[in-house]
Structures are given as structure tokens and as C-alpha cells.
Amino acid sequence: MKVVLYARVSSDSQDVDLSMSAQLRALREYAAKHGHEIVREFVDEAESGRTAARPAFKEMIALAKTKQPPFDTILVWKLNRFARSRVDSITYKALLKSKGINVISINEPLDDSPSGQLLEGVIESIDEFYSANLGQDIKRGMRENAQRGFFSGSRPPYGFHKVAVKDGTKTRYKLESNPEDSVAVQVIRRMFDMALQDVGCKEIAKTLNREGIRTRAGQRWGKTTVHKVLTNEAYCGTLVWAGRPGHPAIRSGDPPVRVENAWPAIIDKDVLRQVQRKMSSKRPEVTHPRTIPSFYLLSGFLFCSCGHAMIGRSAKSHQYYYYVCNGSFKQGEGCL
């Protein structure tokens, strides 16, 4: 039997399942014991099982959908490694079954009998419940952490670094900057000064790139990255958790957490408010598009049927201009 191995480690720190190496070792031993030929190994690190948007998982499914799949079985440590969503599990298992491919959990021996299918459904439902309940516990913990003035994110904003703080037996984090020596702090202040002088995000990014200044990740600046800096209240010492559009916590209806003076400010609050007022006054809903030099006069007004904004794009060395769904452009998938 030709098999592929699929292993996953969740992005949740509370995920206490076996490490990636331990999963793969157990899967290889199982395959050798049963005389299976391992065709490939697919690994997703720091990926949640609550979504199917996992790089290795998508690659494995794409390979299974080919005209002649090179394998007939997928081995996983447990069913929750394959998916923690009951809907995803049913959908993809049905797709795989149509191609003659089975999913086998080496620690949950199941069969195709009615009782086996019932047991499989129960296991998957329990896994989904555990994942959803864990997500709520994590969100409550992060909200409490933020309300006490601790930083809950994994990566601090540009110009800051995390400082460990002892809180009883736990280690939590605050943000800190060095206003005197940090080059990044000086860059941030310069960005706000330029914005006060009505220099747009795109021009600020072009200036920084021209001078060889890079982001924390060593990348070139873009107008979106600059915009995030100019609208981030962390730079005036305010902690905001679940305040940005699209944050998962917003969907629950809970208000965002705001803690003033959570850490030393880099930018004065009045400066941030002035910059935000200037940026708001340039929005298409406020300023007529013809007063803003752009080939895309309908930016901010056009929206795709899927709900995403339509953005301007060009082709053939700027010979042609058109609008495209931003969701489709970023995710590489067709609109629903």
C-alpha cells in the first residue's frame, strides 16, 4: 500500500499533542510495521486544525485530486491532526474517498462498519468541541492579560521590543523602546513628522526605501506598512487589544480593550490625532477622487460581490488599468 504521512503542530501554545518529530517517527514505524510504502511526508508547523488553509494540507489534497494519485492512504497520528473542524473533515474525506483514498489514524483504529463510522463522528465532534472551547479560554486569557497592561501579541510593533515581567509564577511581557539610541524610534518619529507635512504613505515608503531603511523583517516599506505605523496607538503608549478590523475577537461582539499609558510613548497623543485627522480627510468618502492624483478614481467606492474592495491594478507596463477583487488578488482564489 502506498501511503503519505501528514503531521501537524497547532499554532496554539496549549496544544500538548506530540511534537512533530515524535508524530513522524510513530507514523514511519506504523508504515514499516504494516509493510506500507511511504510516498511523501506532509508537515504543517504552527498551523491550526480549525481551518483547511494550511500549506502542506492543501498541497496534499491537490496531489490527491490529480488524475492518478500516487498514494491510496493518508496516515495521521490522530484524527484531530487531519482537521479539528467537523465540516472540513467530512468535506475532505468525501473528496478523498471519491478518489479511492482513505484516512487512517494510527491511534484510533476505526473501520467502515456503521458502528465504526458512528465512533469516528463522535471522536471528530469531541475534537471540534475541544478546539472551540480551547479557543474561548485562550481569548479570555488574552483579554485579561491585555486589561492588566501586558502585551498579548507574538511580534511587537516596529520600534518596540518585548521585556519579560514576572507575574507570580508566570512570565508576561511589556513593550519597551529606547528613544535615545534606537534607529527605529527615530524613523517612526520622522514618519509622523512627514505625515504632519501632508506627505502620503506611498511617498513616505518611497523615501525610506530610497535611503535603504528596512522594516523589522528586512523588507522594503509599502504604503500599507506605513499606514499601520501611523494608525497604531501603541506609539503613544496606549495598549489596544482586539481593536483592529478583522480581529477574531470582534466577531464575538465584545468591546476592544484599551489601556492608557501601558508603556512609555514614542509619539505624543496629539501628534497621532493630528495625523489620523489628516489621513481621514483624504479618504474617498470625504475628498472627491478628482482632487487626488490617481488612475483609479473609483477606489474606495467599488466592492466585489464577495464583500472585498475592488483595487486598481495595471498591466503591460502600465498600458492598461483595471479593477480586481482585493480578496481574490491576495488569496489567489476565485470569489464566491
Protein backbone atom coordinates (compact mmCIF):
# COMPACT_ATOMS: atom_id res chain seq x y z
CA MET A 1 0.00 0.00 0.00
CA LYS A 2 1.33 3.43 -0.95
CA VAL A 3 0.83 6.00 1.79
CA VAL A 4 1.63 9.61 2.62
CA LEU A 5 2.23 10.86 6.15
CA TYR A 6 0.56 14.01 7.43
CA ALA A 7 1.74 15.65 10.66
CA ARG A 8 0.66 18.96 12.17
CA VAL A 9 1.54 21.02 15.22
CA SER A 10 -1.03 23.61 16.22
CA SER A 11 -0.33 27.30 16.49
CA ASP A 12 -1.97 27.25 19.93
CA SER A 13 0.61 27.06 22.71
CA GLN A 14 -1.84 24.94 24.69
CA ASP A 15 -1.66 22.17 22.11
CA VAL A 16 0.01 19.41 24.09
CA ASP A 17 -0.03 16.71 21.43
CA LEU A 18 3.20 15.03 20.41
CA SER A 19 5.92 17.10 18.80
CA MET A 20 6.37 17.00 15.06
CA SER A 21 9.37 14.66 15.23
CA ALA A 22 7.53 12.26 17.55
CA GLN A 23 4.48 12.18 15.25
CA LEU A 24 6.59 11.45 12.19
CA ARG A 25 8.60 8.76 13.98
CA ALA A 26 5.42 6.98 15.09
CA LEU A 27 3.91 7.24 11.60
CA ARG A 28 7.06 5.83 9.97
CA GLU A 29 7.17 2.95 12.43
CA TYR A 30 3.50 2.16 11.74
CA ALA A 31 4.11 2.21 7.99
CA ALA A 32 7.15 -0.07 8.30
CA LYS A 33 5.33 -2.49 10.60
CA HIS A 34 2.45 -2.88 8.13
CA GLY A 35 4.63 -3.00 5.03
CA HIS A 36 3.43 0.32 3.59
CA GLU A 37 5.49 2.31 1.10
CA ILE A 38 5.84 5.96 2.12
CA VAL A 39 5.49 8.15 -0.96
CA ARG A 40 5.73 11.57 0.71
CA GLU A 41 5.58 13.34 4.05
CA PHE A 42 3.49 16.48 4.51
CA VAL A 43 4.19 18.71 7.51
CA ASP A 44 2.34 21.80 8.78
CA GLU A 45 4.07 23.61 11.64
CA ALA A 46 2.29 26.26 13.71
CA GLU A 47 -0.94 25.73 11.78
CA SER A 48 -4.38 25.47 13.38
CA GLY A 49 -6.55 22.48 12.54
CA ARG A 50 -9.66 24.69 12.65
CA THR A 51 -9.01 25.76 9.07
CA ALA A 52 -8.11 23.92 5.89
CA ALA A 53 -5.91 26.81 4.75
CA ARG A 54 -2.69 25.01 5.64
CA PRO A 55 0.12 24.94 3.04
CA ALA A 56 1.11 21.27 3.32
CA PHE A 57 -2.51 20.14 3.74
CA LYS A 58 -3.59 22.00 0.58
CA GLU A 59 -0.64 20.53 -1.32
CA MET A 60 -1.58 17.02 -0.18
CA ILE A 61 -5.23 17.49 -1.21
CA ALA A 62 -4.16 18.91 -4.57
CA LEU A 63 -1.98 15.85 -5.17
CA ALA A 64 -4.90 13.59 -4.22
CA LYS A 65 -7.12 15.34 -6.78
CA THR A 66 -4.81 14.56 -9.70
CA LYS A 67 -5.93 12.11 -12.36
CA GLN A 68 -3.84 9.28 -10.92
CA PRO A 69 -2.94 9.99 -7.26
CA PRO A 70 0.42 8.42 -6.32
CA PHE A 71 -0.97 7.16 -2.98
CA ASP A 72 -4.09 5.46 -1.68
CA THR A 73 -3.88 6.17 2.08
CA ILE A 74 -3.11 9.10 4.39
CA LEU A 75 -1.65 8.22 7.79
CA VAL A 76 -2.14 10.63 10.71
CA TRP A 77 -1.26 10.43 14.40
CA LYS A 78 -4.85 11.21 15.40
CA LEU A 79 -7.91 12.42 13.50
CA ASN A 80 -7.53 15.89 15.04
CA ARG A 81 -4.23 16.23 13.16
CA PHE A 82 -6.19 15.95 9.90
CA ALA A 83 -8.82 18.52 10.94
CA ARG A 84 -10.46 19.97 14.04
CA SER A 85 -13.47 21.15 12.06
CA ARG A 86 -16.23 18.56 11.55
CA VAL A 87 -17.29 20.27 8.31
CA ASP A 88 -13.74 20.24 6.91
CA SER A 89 -13.29 16.63 7.96
CA ILE A 90 -16.48 15.46 6.21
CA THR A 91 -15.79 17.56 3.09
CA TYR A 92 -12.23 16.45 2.51
CA LYS A 93 -12.75 12.84 3.50
CA ALA A 94 -15.62 12.63 1.00
CA LEU A 95 -13.38 14.12 -1.68
CA LEU A 96 -10.58 11.68 -0.86
CA LYS A 97 -12.98 8.74 -0.77
CA SER A 98 -14.17 9.61 -4.30
CA LYS A 99 -10.54 9.16 -5.38
CA GLY A 100 -10.20 5.88 -3.50
CA ILE A 101 -8.05 7.36 -0.73
CA ASN A 102 -8.55 6.55 2.95
CA VAL A 103 -7.50 8.47 6.07
CA ILE A 104 -6.14 6.22 8.83
CA SER A 105 -5.50 7.33 12.40
CA ILE A 106 -2.78 5.10 13.83
CA ASN A 107 -4.00 5.70 17.41
CA GLU A 108 -7.75 5.47 16.77
CA PRO A 109 -8.40 2.17 14.98
CA LEU A 110 -11.70 2.52 13.12
CA ASP A 111 -13.43 0.54 10.39
CA ASP A 112 -16.07 1.19 7.71
CA SER A 113 -18.85 -0.50 9.66
CA PRO A 114 -21.84 1.59 10.86
CA SER A 115 -20.53 1.47 14.43
CA GLY A 116 -17.05 2.49 13.24
CA GLN A 117 -18.47 5.48 11.33
CA LEU A 118 -20.51 6.48 14.39
CA LEU A 119 -17.42 6.31 16.60
CA GLU A 120 -15.44 8.36 14.08
CA GLY A 121 -18.14 11.04 14.10
CA VAL A 122 -18.16 11.13 17.90
CA ILE A 123 -14.37 11.50 18.04
CA GLU A 124 -14.39 14.31 15.49
CA SER A 125 -17.23 16.12 17.28
CA ILE A 126 -15.34 15.92 20.58
CA ASP A 127 -12.19 17.24 18.86
CA GLU A 128 -14.15 20.17 17.41
CA PHE A 129 -15.71 20.94 20.81
CA TYR A 130 -12.30 20.80 22.49
CA SER A 131 -10.83 23.16 19.89
CA ALA A 132 -13.70 25.67 20.14
CA ASN A 133 -13.65 25.59 23.95
CA LEU A 134 -9.88 25.99 23.99
CA GLY A 135 -10.19 28.98 21.66
CA GLN A 136 -12.61 30.68 24.07
CA ASP A 137 -10.30 30.02 27.01
CA ILE A 138 -7.35 31.47 25.10
CA LYS A 139 -9.35 34.57 24.13
CA ARG A 140 -10.45 35.12 27.74
CA GLY A 141 -6.87 34.77 28.91
CA MET A 142 -5.57 37.21 26.31
CA ARG A 143 -8.29 39.75 27.18
CA GLU A 144 -7.43 39.52 30.88
CA ASN A 145 -3.74 39.81 30.01
CA ALA A 146 -4.41 42.96 27.98
CA GLN A 147 -6.64 44.52 30.65
CA ARG A 148 -3.72 44.29 33.06
CA GLY A 149 -1.48 46.16 30.62
CA PHE A 150 0.53 43.21 29.30
CA PHE A 151 1.33 42.72 25.62
CA SER A 152 -0.53 39.72 24.17
CA GLY A 153 0.88 39.65 20.64
CA SER A 154 3.65 37.46 19.32
CA ARG A 155 5.51 40.19 17.40
CA PRO A 156 5.86 43.71 18.84
CA PRO A 157 5.32 46.76 16.61
CA TYR A 158 8.27 48.25 14.75
CA GLY A 159 10.48 50.19 17.20
CA PHE A 160 9.48 48.17 20.27
CA HIS A 161 10.82 45.03 21.88
CA LYS A 162 9.26 42.74 24.47
CA VAL A 163 10.51 42.78 28.05
CA ALA A 164 9.76 39.81 30.31
CA VAL A 165 7.94 40.65 33.55
CA LYS A 166 7.41 38.20 36.40
CA ASP A 167 3.76 37.90 37.41
CA GLY A 168 3.71 35.39 40.25
CA THR A 169 4.78 32.08 38.73
CA LYS A 170 4.09 33.24 35.16
CA THR A 171 6.16 35.33 32.78
CA ARG A 172 4.33 38.08 30.92
CA TYR A 173 5.54 40.83 28.60
CA LYS A 174 5.55 44.60 28.37
CA LEU A 175 6.65 46.72 25.44
CA GLU A 176 9.72 48.93 25.67
CA SER A 177 11.71 51.18 23.36
CA ASN A 178 14.95 53.12 23.62
CA PRO A 179 14.12 56.67 22.45
CA GLU A 180 17.72 57.83 22.70
CA ASP A 181 19.60 55.14 20.77
CA SER A 182 17.09 53.21 18.67
CA VAL A 183 17.29 53.98 14.95
CA ALA A 184 13.79 52.56 14.56
CA VAL A 185 12.38 55.09 17.05
CA GLN A 186 13.91 57.95 15.07
CA VAL A 187 12.44 56.51 11.86
CA ILE A 188 8.99 56.34 13.47
CA ARG A 189 9.17 59.97 14.61
CA ARG A 190 10.30 61.01 11.15
CA MET A 191 7.36 59.15 9.56
CA PHE A 192 4.92 61.05 11.78
CA ASP A 193 6.66 64.36 11.01
CA MET A 194 6.36 63.69 7.28
CA ALA A 195 2.68 62.78 7.68
CA LEU A 196 2.08 66.09 9.51
CA GLN A 197 3.54 67.83 6.47
CA ASP A 198 0.92 66.10 4.27
CA VAL A 199 3.35 63.58 2.80
CA GLY A 200 1.33 60.48 1.82
CA CYS A 201 2.02 56.91 2.92
CA LYS A 202 3.30 55.93 -0.52
CA GLU A 203 5.79 58.82 -0.64
CA ILE A 204 6.96 58.06 2.90
CA ALA A 205 7.57 54.43 1.90
CA LYS A 206 9.46 55.51 -1.24
CA THR A 207 11.66 57.86 0.81
CA LEU A 208 12.54 55.18 3.36
CA ASN A 209 13.28 52.62 0.64
CA ARG A 210 15.42 55.08 -1.27
CA GLU A 211 17.55 55.63 1.84
CA GLY A 212 17.93 51.89 2.41
CA ILE A 213 15.82 51.82 5.59
CA ARG A 214 14.07 48.48 6.03
CA THR A 215 11.30 47.07 8.20
CA ARG A 216 11.95 44.83 11.20
CA ALA A 217 11.78 41.80 8.87
CA GLY A 218 14.31 43.38 6.49
CA GLN A 219 11.67 44.07 3.84
CA ARG A 220 11.04 47.21 1.80
CA TRP A 221 8.38 49.57 3.08
CA GLY A 222 4.98 49.71 1.43
CA LYS A 223 2.15 52.18 1.85
CA THR A 224 0.13 49.63 3.82
CA THR A 225 3.01 49.06 6.25
CA VAL A 226 3.46 52.81 6.71
CA HIS A 227 -0.29 53.24 7.24
CA LYS A 228 -0.23 50.61 10.00
CA VAL A 229 2.51 52.54 11.80
CA LEU A 230 0.73 55.90 11.50
CA THR A 231 -2.52 54.47 12.89
CA ASN A 232 -1.06 52.36 15.69
CA GLU A 233 -1.86 53.79 19.13
CA ALA A 234 0.92 51.71 20.67
CA TYR A 235 3.31 54.50 19.66
CA CYS A 236 1.59 56.93 22.05
CA GLY A 237 1.71 54.38 24.90
CA THR A 238 -1.84 53.02 24.51
CA LEU A 239 -2.46 49.29 24.54
CA VAL A 240 -5.31 48.30 22.24
CA TRP A 241 -6.34 44.66 22.01
CA ALA A 242 -8.96 43.44 19.50
CA GLY A 243 -9.38 46.95 18.13
CA ARG A 244 -8.32 46.46 14.53
CA PRO A 245 -10.88 45.47 11.85
CA GLY A 246 -10.86 41.74 11.20
CA HIS A 247 -9.64 40.73 14.66
CA PRO A 248 -11.32 37.41 15.61
CA ALA A 249 -12.41 38.78 19.00
CA ILE A 250 -14.52 41.48 17.33
CA ARG A 251 -16.89 38.87 15.91
CA SER A 252 -17.91 37.95 19.46
CA GLY A 253 -19.30 41.44 19.98
CA ASP A 254 -17.01 42.21 22.93
CA PRO A 255 -15.59 45.77 23.00
CA PRO A 256 -11.85 46.17 22.45
CA VAL A 257 -9.55 46.55 25.45
CA ARG A 258 -7.87 49.95 25.84
CA VAL A 259 -5.23 50.70 28.47
CA GLU A 260 -3.73 54.18 28.51
CA ASN A 261 -0.05 54.68 29.43
CA ALA A 262 0.66 50.95 29.29
CA TRP A 263 4.30 51.72 28.32
CA PRO A 264 6.47 54.78 27.56
CA ALA A 265 5.22 56.65 24.48
CA ILE A 266 7.32 57.33 21.38
CA ILE A 267 4.83 59.77 19.83
CA ASP A 268 2.71 62.39 21.57
CA LYS A 269 -1.01 61.63 21.52
CA ASP A 270 -1.79 64.99 19.93
CA VAL A 271 0.57 64.18 17.06
CA LEU A 272 -1.16 60.85 16.47
CA ARG A 273 -4.59 62.51 16.49
CA GLN A 274 -3.45 65.18 14.02
CA VAL A 275 -2.04 62.56 11.66
CA GLN A 276 -5.21 60.49 11.86
CA ARG A 277 -7.36 63.55 11.11
CA LYS A 278 -5.24 64.36 8.06
CA MET A 279 -5.45 60.77 6.82
CA SER A 280 -9.19 60.61 7.41
CA SER A 281 -9.73 63.82 5.43
CA LYS A 282 -8.16 62.18 2.36
CA ARG A 283 -10.49 59.19 2.27
CA PRO A 284 -12.53 58.90 -0.96
CA GLU A 285 -15.76 59.24 1.04
CA VAL A 286 -14.56 62.68 2.22
CA THR A 287 -12.39 64.02 -0.62
CA HIS A 288 -13.55 63.96 -4.21
CA PRO A 289 -11.42 61.45 -6.17
CA ARG A 290 -10.50 64.03 -8.82
CA THR A 291 -8.58 66.07 -6.23
CA ILE A 292 -6.31 63.08 -5.61
CA PRO A 293 -3.83 62.20 -8.40
CA SER A 294 -4.72 58.62 -9.26
CA PHE A 295 -5.65 56.45 -12.26
CA TYR A 296 -8.25 54.70 -10.09
CA LEU A 297 -10.95 57.27 -9.35
CA LEU A 298 -13.38 54.63 -8.10
CA SER A 299 -11.07 53.33 -5.34
CA GLY A 300 -13.00 53.16 -2.10
CA PHE A 301 -16.35 53.04 -3.88
CA LEU A 302 -16.26 49.73 -5.76
CA PHE A 303 -16.81 46.48 -3.89
CA CYS A 304 -16.88 42.91 -5.19
CA SER A 305 -19.96 40.71 -4.74
CA CYS A 306 -17.95 38.71 -2.19
CA GLY A 307 -17.63 41.82 0.01
CA HIS A 308 -13.97 42.73 -0.62
CA ALA A 309 -12.95 46.09 -2.02
CA MET A 310 -12.01 46.39 -5.68
CA ILE A 311 -8.43 47.64 -6.08
CA GLY A 312 -6.70 49.20 -9.07
CA ARG A 313 -4.12 47.22 -11.00
CA SER A 314 -2.12 47.80 -14.18
CA ALA A 315 -0.71 45.55 -16.90
CA LYS A 316 1.64 45.68 -19.88
CA SER A 317 3.98 48.26 -18.32
CA HIS A 318 1.08 50.49 -17.27
CA GLN A 319 -0.57 50.45 -20.69
CA TYR A 320 -3.80 49.06 -19.25
CA TYR A 321 -5.59 49.78 -15.98
CA TYR A 322 -8.36 47.77 -14.37
CA TYR A 323 -10.01 46.83 -11.07
CA VAL A 324 -9.74 43.45 -9.36
CA CYS A 325 -11.19 41.95 -6.18
CA ASN A 326 -8.69 42.52 -3.37
CA GLY A 327 -9.63 39.23 -1.70
CA SER A 328 -9.07 37.26 -4.89
CA PHE A 329 -5.83 39.13 -5.64
CA LYS A 330 -4.31 38.50 -2.18
CA GLN A 331 -5.52 34.93 -1.65
CA GLY A 332 -5.18 33.69 -5.23
CA GLU A 333 -8.64 32.17 -5.16
CA GLY A 334 -11.79 32.92 -7.09
CA CYS A 335 -14.60 34.89 -5.48
CA LEU A 336 -17.59 33.07 -4.10
